[in-house]
Amino acid sequence: MTLLMPFISGFNIAVSVKSIGLFMKVLTNILAQMLVMVLMLAMLVLLPGCSSLSETEKADEDLDSIGQDIVEMIDVPASEKQAMADKASIAFPKNKTKIKSNLYLEQAQQRLANVPAHVLTQYKQALLLMKNKQWQAAEQLLDKVLLSQPQLSGAYVNKALILVNQKQLNRANKQLDKALAVNEINPYAHQLKGRVARLNGQFAQAEKSYLEALSIWPEYLEAQINLAILLELYRGRLLEARKYYISYLVLQPEDVQVQRWLAGVEIKIKRAGLALPEEIEDESLLSPVTDSVSNVSGEG
């Protein structure tokens, strides 16, 4: 019996080790399954946020290209202005409501009439440089333009746009303040000022600036879509955001990306337990901003 004791003790130890190993294996499997479940739950929670962020990034990409269009439109020659006037006479199919005008563009030509031809040439060259992202050369030309014609608020907006592309938001904001000091009804200045405010996390100021732009030009597409994104993602006002998405799509019905964003915000509205407003037949009521600025002097 004494001779068997070491063998029995060794057997007990082996059994214990095996039991512990089996227990650890089971425990490891349980922990692995729990980890998978936690990760899945985390993904479900984070996916809406990730979707919103990707929408914002995509919107920013679109706004970058839109920014180039803004540069083109700030001070337009007579032929382009006439084309815009013709476009403004196009009626909506249902109620024959005309597109509201842009007060700034209506009056910009008066100021441009007094600008020397060589300065206009420099201005156009600066725009071309901006389109090619030659920021420094474009800024130098705009400085020459402003030295000769400091009343051209559009040149300040272009300089601000250059600075936004260079991530110099504070300097950009100062240029926009100069633009508005020269001409307070420049909707492009207000719109870009709103974008700078949003990038700085100043969401209330961004909303105010977008609304200022829309009070001057109610059909300003960039201001409409920027305000819709702001209200949805940063202000949490889904019903108001939906109005601006719809207003944008009235003028750009083929924009598939914005159609998706509208569908997305409507899903969020339903999930929040809110009722979608009834469809509006009169398209003139779709634009949330109906007031216009009056009694202003004409400037470029």
C-alpha atoms as a PDB file:
ATOM      1  CA  MET A   1       0.000   0.000   0.000  1.00  0.00           C
ATOM      2  CA  THR A   2       2.816   2.296   0.863  1.00  0.00           C
ATOM      3  CA  LEU A   3       4.337   1.597  -2.530  1.00  0.00           C
ATOM      4  CA  LEU A   4       1.115   2.654  -4.247  1.00  0.00           C
ATOM      5  CA  MET A   5       0.904   6.043  -2.504  1.00  0.00           C
ATOM      6  CA  PRO A   6       3.208   7.916  -4.924  1.00  0.00           C
ATOM      7  CA  PHE A   7       1.309   6.523  -7.889  1.00  0.00           C
ATOM      8  CA  ILE A   8      -2.062   7.475  -6.402  1.00  0.00           C
ATOM      9  CA  SER A   9      -0.816  10.961  -5.541  1.00  0.00           C
ATOM     10  CA  GLY A  10       0.573  11.393  -9.045  1.00  0.00           C
ATOM     11  CA  PHE A  11      -2.731  10.218 -10.539  1.00  0.00           C
ATOM     12  CA  ASN A  12      -4.692  12.714  -8.408  1.00  0.00           C
ATOM     13  CA  ILE A  13      -2.412  15.538  -9.484  1.00  0.00           C
ATOM     14  CA  ALA A  14      -2.778  14.546 -13.138  1.00  0.00           C
ATOM     15  CA  VAL A  15      -6.558  14.477 -12.809  1.00  0.00           C
ATOM     16  CA  SER A  16      -6.522  17.864 -11.105  1.00  0.00           C
ATOM     17  CA  VAL A  17      -4.314  19.371 -13.819  1.00  0.00           C
ATOM     18  CA  LYS A  18      -6.531  17.919 -16.507  1.00  0.00           C
ATOM     19  CA  SER A  19      -9.650  19.249 -14.787  1.00  0.00           C
ATOM     20  CA  ILE A  20      -8.105  22.694 -14.460  1.00  0.00           C
ATOM     21  CA  GLY A  21      -7.073  22.636 -18.135  1.00  0.00           C
ATOM     22  CA  LEU A  22     -10.584  21.632 -19.183  1.00  0.00           C
ATOM     23  CA  PHE A  23     -12.083  24.329 -16.970  1.00  0.00           C
ATOM     24  CA  MET A  24      -9.769  26.989 -18.455  1.00  0.00           C
ATOM     25  CA  LYS A  25     -10.655  25.888 -21.982  1.00  0.00           C
ATOM     26  CA  VAL A  26     -14.382  26.184 -21.243  1.00  0.00           C
ATOM     27  CA  LEU A  27     -13.850  29.555 -19.567  1.00  0.00           C
ATOM     28  CA  THR A  28     -11.845  30.812 -22.547  1.00  0.00           C
ATOM     29  CA  ASN A  29     -14.633  29.806 -24.952  1.00  0.00           C
ATOM     30  CA  ILE A  30     -17.242  31.550 -22.811  1.00  0.00           C
ATOM     31  CA  LEU A  31     -15.160  34.732 -22.633  1.00  0.00           C
ATOM     32  CA  ALA A  32     -14.570  34.654 -26.386  1.00  0.00           C
ATOM     33  CA  GLN A  33     -18.318  34.347 -27.025  1.00  0.00           C
ATOM     34  CA  MET A  34     -19.042  37.194 -24.623  1.00  0.00           C
ATOM     35  CA  LEU A  35     -16.436  39.364 -26.356  1.00  0.00           C
ATOM     36  CA  VAL A  36     -18.041  38.695 -29.734  1.00  0.00           C
ATOM     37  CA  MET A  37     -21.445  39.672 -28.332  1.00  0.00           C
ATOM     38  CA  VAL A  38     -20.057  42.874 -26.834  1.00  0.00           C
ATOM     39  CA  LEU A  39     -18.412  43.787 -30.128  1.00  0.00           C
ATOM     40  CA  MET A  40     -21.641  43.154 -32.037  1.00  0.00           C
ATOM     41  CA  LEU A  41     -23.607  45.330 -29.628  1.00  0.00           C
ATOM     42  CA  ALA A  42     -21.005  48.061 -29.911  1.00  0.00           C
ATOM     43  CA  MET A  43     -21.239  47.932 -33.697  1.00  0.00           C
ATOM     44  CA  LEU A  44     -25.020  48.266 -33.549  1.00  0.00           C
ATOM     45  CA  VAL A  45     -24.691  51.316 -31.325  1.00  0.00           C
ATOM     46  CA  LEU A  46     -21.929  52.941 -33.344  1.00  0.00           C
ATOM     47  CA  LEU A  47     -23.185  52.225 -36.851  1.00  0.00           C
ATOM     48  CA  PRO A  48     -25.689  55.143 -36.936  1.00  0.00           C
ATOM     49  CA  GLY A  49     -22.951  57.497 -35.791  1.00  0.00           C
ATOM     50  CA  CYS A  50     -20.518  56.143 -38.365  1.00  0.00           C
ATOM     51  CA  SER A  51     -23.144  56.562 -41.063  1.00  0.00           C
ATOM     52  CA  SER A  52     -23.688  60.189 -40.070  1.00  0.00           C
ATOM     53  CA  LEU A  53     -19.988  60.874 -40.084  1.00  0.00           C
ATOM     54  CA  SER A  54     -19.568  59.379 -43.519  1.00  0.00           C
ATOM     55  CA  GLU A  55     -22.463  61.514 -44.743  1.00  0.00           C
ATOM     56  CA  THR A  56     -20.782  64.588 -43.314  1.00  0.00           C
ATOM     57  CA  GLU A  57     -17.479  63.739 -44.929  1.00  0.00           C
ATOM     58  CA  LYS A  58     -19.203  63.117 -48.252  1.00  0.00           C
ATOM     59  CA  ALA A  59     -21.096  66.378 -47.887  1.00  0.00           C
ATOM     60  CA  ASP A  60     -17.841  68.196 -47.224  1.00  0.00           C
ATOM     61  CA  GLU A  61     -16.407  66.717 -50.409  1.00  0.00           C
ATOM     62  CA  ASP A  62     -19.432  67.963 -52.338  1.00  0.00           C
ATOM     63  CA  LEU A  63     -19.196  71.359 -50.678  1.00  0.00           C
ATOM     64  CA  ASP A  64     -15.572  71.652 -51.737  1.00  0.00           C
ATOM     65  CA  SER A  65     -16.633  71.365 -55.362  1.00  0.00           C
ATOM     66  CA  ILE A  66     -19.602  73.647 -54.730  1.00  0.00           C
ATOM     67  CA  GLY A  67     -17.143  76.163 -53.299  1.00  0.00           C
ATOM     68  CA  GLN A  68     -15.470  76.359 -56.678  1.00  0.00           C
ATOM     69  CA  ASP A  69     -18.841  77.134 -58.235  1.00  0.00           C
ATOM     70  CA  ILE A  70     -19.330  79.927 -55.714  1.00  0.00           C
ATOM     71  CA  VAL A  71     -16.085  81.478 -56.889  1.00  0.00           C
ATOM     72  CA  GLU A  72     -17.364  81.426 -60.452  1.00  0.00           C
ATOM     73  CA  MET A  73     -20.621  83.132 -59.554  1.00  0.00           C
ATOM     74  CA  ILE A  74     -19.533  85.975 -57.322  1.00  0.00           C
ATOM     75  CA  ASP A  75     -19.033  88.644 -59.989  1.00  0.00           C
ATOM     76  CA  VAL A  76     -20.554  87.609 -63.298  1.00  0.00           C
ATOM     77  CA  PRO A  77     -20.275  89.265 -66.705  1.00  0.00           C
ATOM     78  CA  ALA A  78     -23.385  90.681 -68.385  1.00  0.00           C
ATOM     79  CA  SER A  79     -23.933  87.675 -70.651  1.00  0.00           C
ATOM     80  CA  GLU A  80     -23.952  85.237 -67.704  1.00  0.00           C
ATOM     81  CA  LYS A  81     -26.193  87.544 -65.692  1.00  0.00           C
ATOM     82  CA  GLN A  82     -28.726  87.586 -68.542  1.00  0.00           C
ATOM     83  CA  ALA A  83     -28.644  83.790 -68.643  1.00  0.00           C
ATOM     84  CA  MET A  84     -29.374  83.699 -64.905  1.00  0.00           C
ATOM     85  CA  ALA A  85     -32.215  86.187 -65.388  1.00  0.00           C
ATOM     86  CA  ASP A  86     -33.675  83.906 -68.069  1.00  0.00           C
ATOM     87  CA  LYS A  87     -33.391  80.952 -65.698  1.00  0.00           C
ATOM     88  CA  ALA A  88     -35.152  82.936 -62.958  1.00  0.00           C
ATOM     89  CA  SER A  89     -38.202  83.291 -65.233  1.00  0.00           C
ATOM     90  CA  ILE A  90     -38.686  79.506 -65.452  1.00  0.00           C
ATOM     91  CA  ALA A  91     -41.884  78.499 -63.637  1.00  0.00           C
ATOM     92  CA  PHE A  92     -42.507  75.449 -61.502  1.00  0.00           C
ATOM     93  CA  PRO A  93     -44.811  72.974 -63.297  1.00  0.00           C
ATOM     94  CA  LYS A  94     -47.589  72.834 -60.694  1.00  0.00           C
ATOM     95  CA  ASN A  95     -48.252  76.357 -59.472  1.00  0.00           C
ATOM     96  CA  LYS A  96     -46.293  78.609 -61.856  1.00  0.00           C
ATOM     97  CA  THR A  97     -44.328  80.089 -58.958  1.00  0.00           C
ATOM     98  CA  LYS A  98     -41.188  81.824 -60.194  1.00  0.00           C
ATOM     99  CA  ILE A  99     -37.756  81.194 -58.718  1.00  0.00           C
ATOM    100  CA  LYS A 100     -36.877  83.963 -56.309  1.00  0.00           C
ATOM    101  CA  SER A 101     -34.015  86.203 -57.387  1.00  0.00           C
ATOM    102  CA  ASN A 102     -30.586  86.756 -55.886  1.00  0.00           C
ATOM    103  CA  LEU A 103     -30.469  90.409 -54.813  1.00  0.00           C
ATOM    104  CA  TYR A 104     -26.694  90.404 -54.787  1.00  0.00           C
ATOM    105  CA  LEU A 105     -26.365  89.261 -58.394  1.00  0.00           C
ATOM    106  CA  GLU A 106     -29.060  91.694 -59.463  1.00  0.00           C
ATOM    107  CA  GLN A 107     -26.936  94.575 -58.237  1.00  0.00           C
ATOM    108  CA  ALA A 108     -23.416  93.244 -58.814  1.00  0.00           C
ATOM    109  CA  GLN A 109     -23.327  94.330 -62.453  1.00  0.00           C
ATOM    110  CA  GLN A 110     -23.768  97.970 -61.478  1.00  0.00           C
ATOM    111  CA  ARG A 111     -20.547  97.854 -59.470  1.00  0.00           C
ATOM    112  CA  LEU A 112     -18.671  95.860 -62.109  1.00  0.00           C
ATOM    113  CA  ALA A 113     -19.435  98.470 -64.750  1.00  0.00           C
ATOM    114  CA  ASN A 114     -16.869 100.763 -63.130  1.00  0.00           C
ATOM    115  CA  VAL A 115     -14.096  98.178 -62.860  1.00  0.00           C
ATOM    116  CA  PRO A 116     -11.238  98.568 -65.406  1.00  0.00           C
ATOM    117  CA  ALA A 117     -10.867  95.780 -67.934  1.00  0.00           C
ATOM    118  CA  HIS A 118      -7.363  94.811 -66.787  1.00  0.00           C
ATOM    119  CA  VAL A 119      -8.644  94.322 -63.229  1.00  0.00           C
ATOM    120  CA  LEU A 120     -11.432  92.039 -64.454  1.00  0.00           C
ATOM    121  CA  THR A 121      -8.804  90.074 -66.374  1.00  0.00           C
ATOM    122  CA  GLN A 122      -6.755  89.680 -63.193  1.00  0.00           C
ATOM    123  CA  TYR A 123      -9.894  88.568 -61.368  1.00  0.00           C
ATOM    124  CA  LYS A 124     -10.664  85.877 -63.954  1.00  0.00           C
ATOM    125  CA  GLN A 125      -7.054  84.712 -63.872  1.00  0.00           C
ATOM    126  CA  ALA A 126      -7.293  84.390 -60.085  1.00  0.00           C
ATOM    127  CA  LEU A 127     -10.409  82.239 -60.455  1.00  0.00           C
ATOM    128  CA  LEU A 128      -8.607  79.965 -62.905  1.00  0.00           C
ATOM    129  CA  LEU A 129      -5.688  79.614 -60.500  1.00  0.00           C
ATOM    130  CA  MET A 130      -8.109  78.713 -57.718  1.00  0.00           C
ATOM    131  CA  LYS A 131      -9.728  76.027 -59.845  1.00  0.00           C
ATOM    132  CA  ASN A 132      -6.249  74.579 -60.351  1.00  0.00           C
ATOM    133  CA  LYS A 133      -5.613  74.855 -56.577  1.00  0.00           C
ATOM    134  CA  GLN A 134      -2.710  77.253 -57.058  1.00  0.00           C
ATOM    135  CA  TRP A 135      -3.670  79.043 -53.877  1.00  0.00           C
ATOM    136  CA  GLN A 136      -0.689  81.329 -53.339  1.00  0.00           C
ATOM    137  CA  ALA A 137      -0.655  82.698 -56.889  1.00  0.00           C
ATOM    138  CA  ALA A 138      -4.434  83.201 -56.796  1.00  0.00           C
ATOM    139  CA  GLU A 139      -4.245  85.066 -53.486  1.00  0.00           C
ATOM    140  CA  GLN A 140      -1.540  87.373 -54.836  1.00  0.00           C
ATOM    141  CA  LEU A 141      -3.695  88.266 -57.839  1.00  0.00           C
ATOM    142  CA  LEU A 142      -6.728  88.891 -55.620  1.00  0.00           C
ATOM    143  CA  ASP A 143      -4.604  91.213 -53.499  1.00  0.00           C
ATOM    144  CA  LYS A 144      -3.817  93.197 -56.642  1.00  0.00           C
ATOM    145  CA  VAL A 145      -7.508  93.315 -57.509  1.00  0.00           C
ATOM    146  CA  LEU A 146      -8.438  94.593 -54.056  1.00  0.00           C
ATOM    147  CA  LEU A 147      -5.654  97.165 -54.073  1.00  0.00           C
ATOM    148  CA  SER A 148      -7.245  98.664 -57.169  1.00  0.00           C
ATOM    149  CA  GLN A 149     -10.916  97.943 -56.386  1.00  0.00           C
ATOM    150  CA  PRO A 150     -11.483  97.471 -52.640  1.00  0.00           C
ATOM    151  CA  GLN A 151     -15.263  97.625 -53.143  1.00  0.00           C
ATOM    152  CA  LEU A 152     -15.382  94.134 -54.725  1.00  0.00           C
ATOM    153  CA  SER A 153     -16.675  92.016 -51.869  1.00  0.00           C
ATOM    154  CA  GLY A 154     -16.428  88.910 -54.037  1.00  0.00           C
ATOM    155  CA  ALA A 155     -12.628  89.134 -54.031  1.00  0.00           C
ATOM    156  CA  TYR A 156     -12.630  88.937 -50.219  1.00  0.00           C
ATOM    157  CA  VAL A 157     -14.878  85.855 -50.370  1.00  0.00           C
ATOM    158  CA  ASN A 158     -12.492  84.229 -52.820  1.00  0.00           C
ATOM    159  CA  LYS A 159      -9.564  84.947 -50.512  1.00  0.00           C
ATOM    160  CA  ALA A 160     -11.547  83.423 -47.653  1.00  0.00           C
ATOM    161  CA  LEU A 161     -12.246  80.348 -49.762  1.00  0.00           C
ATOM    162  CA  ILE A 162      -8.506  79.951 -50.395  1.00  0.00           C
ATOM    163  CA  LEU A 163      -7.844  80.139 -46.665  1.00  0.00           C
ATOM    164  CA  VAL A 164     -10.589  77.591 -45.893  1.00  0.00           C
ATOM    165  CA  ASN A 165      -8.932  75.171 -48.314  1.00  0.00           C
ATOM    166  CA  GLN A 166      -5.677  75.787 -46.423  1.00  0.00           C
ATOM    167  CA  LYS A 167      -7.431  75.117 -43.071  1.00  0.00           C
ATOM    168  CA  GLN A 168      -6.772  78.708 -41.906  1.00  0.00           C
ATOM    169  CA  LEU A 169     -10.259  79.292 -40.572  1.00  0.00           C
ATOM    170  CA  ASN A 170      -9.614  82.344 -38.388  1.00  0.00           C
ATOM    171  CA  ARG A 171      -7.951  84.225 -41.242  1.00  0.00           C
ATOM    172  CA  ALA A 172     -10.775  83.171 -43.551  1.00  0.00           C
ATOM    173  CA  ASN A 173     -13.331  84.577 -41.131  1.00  0.00           C
ATOM    174  CA  LYS A 174     -11.572  87.949 -41.109  1.00  0.00           C
ATOM    175  CA  GLN A 175     -11.738  88.088 -44.904  1.00  0.00           C
ATOM    176  CA  LEU A 176     -15.457  87.326 -44.765  1.00  0.00           C
ATOM    177  CA  ASP A 177     -15.966  90.138 -42.246  1.00  0.00           C
ATOM    178  CA  LYS A 178     -14.291  92.470 -44.746  1.00  0.00           C
ATOM    179  CA  ALA A 179     -16.544  91.206 -47.527  1.00  0.00           C
ATOM    180  CA  LEU A 180     -19.660  91.900 -45.461  1.00  0.00           C
ATOM    181  CA  ALA A 181     -18.362  95.318 -44.395  1.00  0.00           C
ATOM    182  CA  VAL A 182     -18.147  96.189 -48.096  1.00  0.00           C
ATOM    183  CA  ASN A 183     -21.468  94.582 -49.011  1.00  0.00           C
ATOM    184  CA  GLU A 184     -23.704  93.155 -46.305  1.00  0.00           C
ATOM    185  CA  ILE A 185     -26.014  91.417 -48.815  1.00  0.00           C
ATOM    186  CA  ASN A 186     -23.345  89.134 -50.278  1.00  0.00           C
ATOM    187  CA  PRO A 187     -24.980  85.703 -49.782  1.00  0.00           C
ATOM    188  CA  TYR A 188     -21.754  83.884 -50.648  1.00  0.00           C
ATOM    189  CA  ALA A 189     -20.004  85.598 -47.757  1.00  0.00           C
ATOM    190  CA  HIS A 190     -22.780  84.629 -45.333  1.00  0.00           C
ATOM    191  CA  GLN A 191     -22.841  81.024 -46.593  1.00  0.00           C
ATOM    192  CA  LEU A 192     -19.079  80.575 -46.326  1.00  0.00           C
ATOM    193  CA  LYS A 193     -19.115  82.265 -42.926  1.00  0.00           C
ATOM    194  CA  GLY A 194     -21.634  79.649 -41.848  1.00  0.00           C
ATOM    195  CA  ARG A 195     -19.390  76.859 -43.057  1.00  0.00           C
ATOM    196  CA  VAL A 196     -16.394  78.292 -41.195  1.00  0.00           C
ATOM    197  CA  ALA A 197     -18.511  78.550 -38.037  1.00  0.00           C
ATOM    198  CA  ARG A 198     -19.586  74.908 -38.400  1.00  0.00           C
ATOM    199  CA  LEU A 199     -15.999  73.763 -38.839  1.00  0.00           C
ATOM    200  CA  ASN A 200     -15.164  75.686 -35.648  1.00  0.00           C
ATOM    201  CA  GLY A 201     -17.997  73.974 -33.774  1.00  0.00           C
ATOM    202  CA  GLN A 202     -20.042  77.197 -33.557  1.00  0.00           C
ATOM    203  CA  PHE A 203     -23.316  75.642 -34.661  1.00  0.00           C
ATOM    204  CA  ALA A 204     -25.676  78.438 -33.594  1.00  0.00           C
ATOM    205  CA  GLN A 205     -23.585  80.983 -35.488  1.00  0.00           C
ATOM    206  CA  ALA A 206     -23.467  78.670 -38.511  1.00  0.00           C
ATOM    207  CA  GLU A 207     -27.252  78.426 -38.540  1.00  0.00           C
ATOM    208  CA  LYS A 208     -27.582  82.194 -38.304  1.00  0.00           C
ATOM    209  CA  SER A 209     -25.209  82.742 -41.230  1.00  0.00           C
ATOM    210  CA  TYR A 210     -26.951  80.188 -43.447  1.00  0.00           C
ATOM    211  CA  LEU A 211     -30.297  81.839 -42.711  1.00  0.00           C
ATOM    212  CA  GLU A 212     -28.825  85.250 -43.577  1.00  0.00           C
ATOM    213  CA  ALA A 213     -27.705  83.869 -46.938  1.00  0.00           C
ATOM    214  CA  LEU A 214     -31.158  82.412 -47.585  1.00  0.00           C
ATOM    215  CA  SER A 215     -32.909  85.662 -46.626  1.00  0.00           C
ATOM    216  CA  ILE A 216     -30.974  87.320 -49.469  1.00  0.00           C
ATOM    217  CA  TRP A 217     -31.334  84.422 -51.912  1.00  0.00           C
ATOM    218  CA  PRO A 218     -34.018  81.897 -50.860  1.00  0.00           C
ATOM    219  CA  GLU A 219     -33.062  79.425 -53.612  1.00  0.00           C
ATOM    220  CA  TYR A 220     -29.349  79.371 -52.748  1.00  0.00           C
ATOM    221  CA  LEU A 221     -28.690  75.631 -53.073  1.00  0.00           C
ATOM    222  CA  GLU A 222     -25.440  75.500 -51.117  1.00  0.00           C
ATOM    223  CA  ALA A 223     -26.970  77.329 -48.161  1.00  0.00           C
ATOM    224  CA  GLN A 224     -30.029  75.056 -48.235  1.00  0.00           C
ATOM    225  CA  ILE A 225     -28.074  71.805 -48.186  1.00  0.00           C
ATOM    226  CA  ASN A 226     -25.551  73.094 -45.645  1.00  0.00           C
ATOM    227  CA  LEU A 227     -28.347  74.172 -43.322  1.00  0.00           C
ATOM    228  CA  ALA A 228     -30.131  70.832 -43.742  1.00  0.00           C
ATOM    229  CA  ILE A 229     -26.960  68.930 -42.797  1.00  0.00           C
ATOM    230  CA  LEU A 230     -26.320  71.258 -39.860  1.00  0.00           C
ATOM    231  CA  LEU A 231     -29.862  70.867 -38.495  1.00  0.00           C
ATOM    232  CA  GLU A 232     -29.821  67.091 -38.888  1.00  0.00           C
ATOM    233  CA  LEU A 233     -26.358  66.158 -37.646  1.00  0.00           C
ATOM    234  CA  TYR A 234     -25.390  68.989 -35.291  1.00  0.00           C
ATOM    235  CA  ARG A 235     -28.643  70.572 -34.060  1.00  0.00           C
ATOM    236  CA  GLY A 236     -30.878  67.500 -33.840  1.00  0.00           C
ATOM    237  CA  ARG A 237     -33.829  69.275 -35.478  1.00  0.00           C
ATOM    238  CA  LEU A 238     -34.889  66.594 -37.911  1.00  0.00           C
ATOM    239  CA  LEU A 239     -38.193  68.049 -39.098  1.00  0.00           C
ATOM    240  CA  GLU A 240     -36.583  71.370 -39.991  1.00  0.00           C
ATOM    241  CA  ALA A 241     -33.703  69.582 -41.706  1.00  0.00           C
ATOM    242  CA  ARG A 242     -36.220  67.668 -43.804  1.00  0.00           C
ATOM    243  CA  LYS A 243     -37.778  70.956 -45.025  1.00  0.00           C
ATOM    244  CA  TYR A 244     -34.446  72.187 -46.334  1.00  0.00           C
ATOM    245  CA  TYR A 245     -33.645  68.866 -48.017  1.00  0.00           C
ATOM    246  CA  ILE A 246     -37.020  69.097 -49.787  1.00  0.00           C
ATOM    247  CA  SER A 247     -36.442  72.742 -50.747  1.00  0.00           C
ATOM    248  CA  TYR A 248     -33.112  71.764 -52.279  1.00  0.00           C
ATOM    249  CA  LEU A 249     -34.645  68.861 -54.209  1.00  0.00           C
ATOM    250  CA  VAL A 250     -37.381  71.091 -55.643  1.00  0.00           C
ATOM    251  CA  LEU A 251     -34.610  72.869 -57.561  1.00  0.00           C
ATOM    252  CA  GLN A 252     -32.281  69.842 -57.967  1.00  0.00           C
ATOM    253  CA  PRO A 253     -34.656  66.858 -58.258  1.00  0.00           C
ATOM    254  CA  GLU A 254     -32.025  64.631 -59.904  1.00  0.00           C
ATOM    255  CA  ASP A 255     -29.538  64.795 -57.013  1.00  0.00           C
ATOM    256  CA  VAL A 256     -29.473  61.147 -55.948  1.00  0.00           C
ATOM    257  CA  GLN A 257     -27.189  61.724 -52.953  1.00  0.00           C
ATOM    258  CA  VAL A 258     -29.522  64.293 -51.397  1.00  0.00           C
ATOM    259  CA  GLN A 259     -32.493  62.027 -52.132  1.00  0.00           C
ATOM    260  CA  ARG A 260     -30.747  59.419 -49.956  1.00  0.00           C
ATOM    261  CA  TRP A 261     -30.103  61.946 -47.216  1.00  0.00           C
ATOM    262  CA  LEU A 262     -33.780  62.940 -47.259  1.00  0.00           C
ATOM    263  CA  ALA A 263     -34.800  59.283 -46.968  1.00  0.00           C
ATOM    264  CA  GLY A 264     -32.322  58.868 -44.104  1.00  0.00           C
ATOM    265  CA  VAL A 265     -33.640  61.821 -42.129  1.00  0.00           C
ATOM    266  CA  GLU A 266     -37.215  60.586 -42.615  1.00  0.00           C
ATOM    267  CA  ILE A 267     -36.212  57.227 -41.140  1.00  0.00           C
ATOM    268  CA  LYS A 268     -34.688  59.055 -38.154  1.00  0.00           C
ATOM    269  CA  ILE A 269     -37.900  61.079 -37.741  1.00  0.00           C
ATOM    270  CA  LYS A 270     -40.010  57.909 -37.628  1.00  0.00           C
ATOM    271  CA  ARG A 271     -37.618  56.207 -35.190  1.00  0.00           C
ATOM    272  CA  ALA A 272     -37.866  59.261 -32.930  1.00  0.00           C
ATOM    273  CA  GLY A 273     -41.638  58.804 -32.825  1.00  0.00           C
ATOM    274  CA  LEU A 274     -42.313  62.020 -34.731  1.00  0.00           C
ATOM    275  CA  ALA A 275     -44.979  62.360 -37.393  1.00  0.00           C
ATOM    276  CA  LEU A 276     -43.956  63.333 -40.901  1.00  0.00           C
ATOM    277  CA  PRO A 277     -45.824  66.424 -42.119  1.00  0.00           C
ATOM    278  CA  GLU A 278     -48.378  65.897 -44.856  1.00  0.00           C
ATOM    279  CA  GLU A 279     -47.155  66.365 -48.419  1.00  0.00           C
ATOM    280  CA  ILE A 280     -47.254  69.992 -49.574  1.00  0.00           C
ATOM    281  CA  GLU A 281     -48.851  70.500 -52.981  1.00  0.00           C
ATOM    282  CA  ASP A 282     -47.898  74.167 -53.304  1.00  0.00           C
ATOM    283  CA  GLU A 283     -44.165  74.087 -54.023  1.00  0.00           C
ATOM    284  CA  SER A 284     -43.841  77.776 -53.200  1.00  0.00           C
ATOM    285  CA  LEU A 285     -44.326  76.768 -49.556  1.00  0.00           C
ATOM    286  CA  LEU A 286     -41.418  74.333 -49.611  1.00  0.00           C
ATOM    287  CA  SER A 287     -38.772  77.039 -49.215  1.00  0.00           C
ATOM    288  CA  PRO A 288     -38.585  77.706 -45.433  1.00  0.00           C
ATOM    289  CA  VAL A 289     -37.248  81.241 -45.952  1.00  0.00           C
ATOM    290  CA  THR A 290     -39.704  83.662 -47.546  1.00  0.00           C
ATOM    291  CA  ASP A 291     -38.511  87.059 -46.341  1.00  0.00           C
ATOM    292  CA  SER A 292     -36.269  89.152 -48.574  1.00  0.00           C
ATOM    293  CA  VAL A 293     -33.953  92.075 -47.927  1.00  0.00           C
ATOM    294  CA  SER A 294     -35.150  95.410 -49.297  1.00  0.00           C
ATOM    295  CA  ASN A 295     -33.880  98.989 -49.575  1.00  0.00           C
ATOM    296  CA  VAL A 296     -30.252  98.067 -50.109  1.00  0.00           C
ATOM    297  CA  SER A 297     -27.647  99.813 -52.185  1.00  0.00           C
ATOM    298  CA  GLY A 298     -26.199  98.087 -55.235  1.00  0.00           C
ATOM    299  CA  GLU A 299     -22.680  96.741 -54.802  1.00  0.00           C
ATOM    300  CA  GLY A 300     -20.504  94.042 -56.286  1.00  0.00           C
END
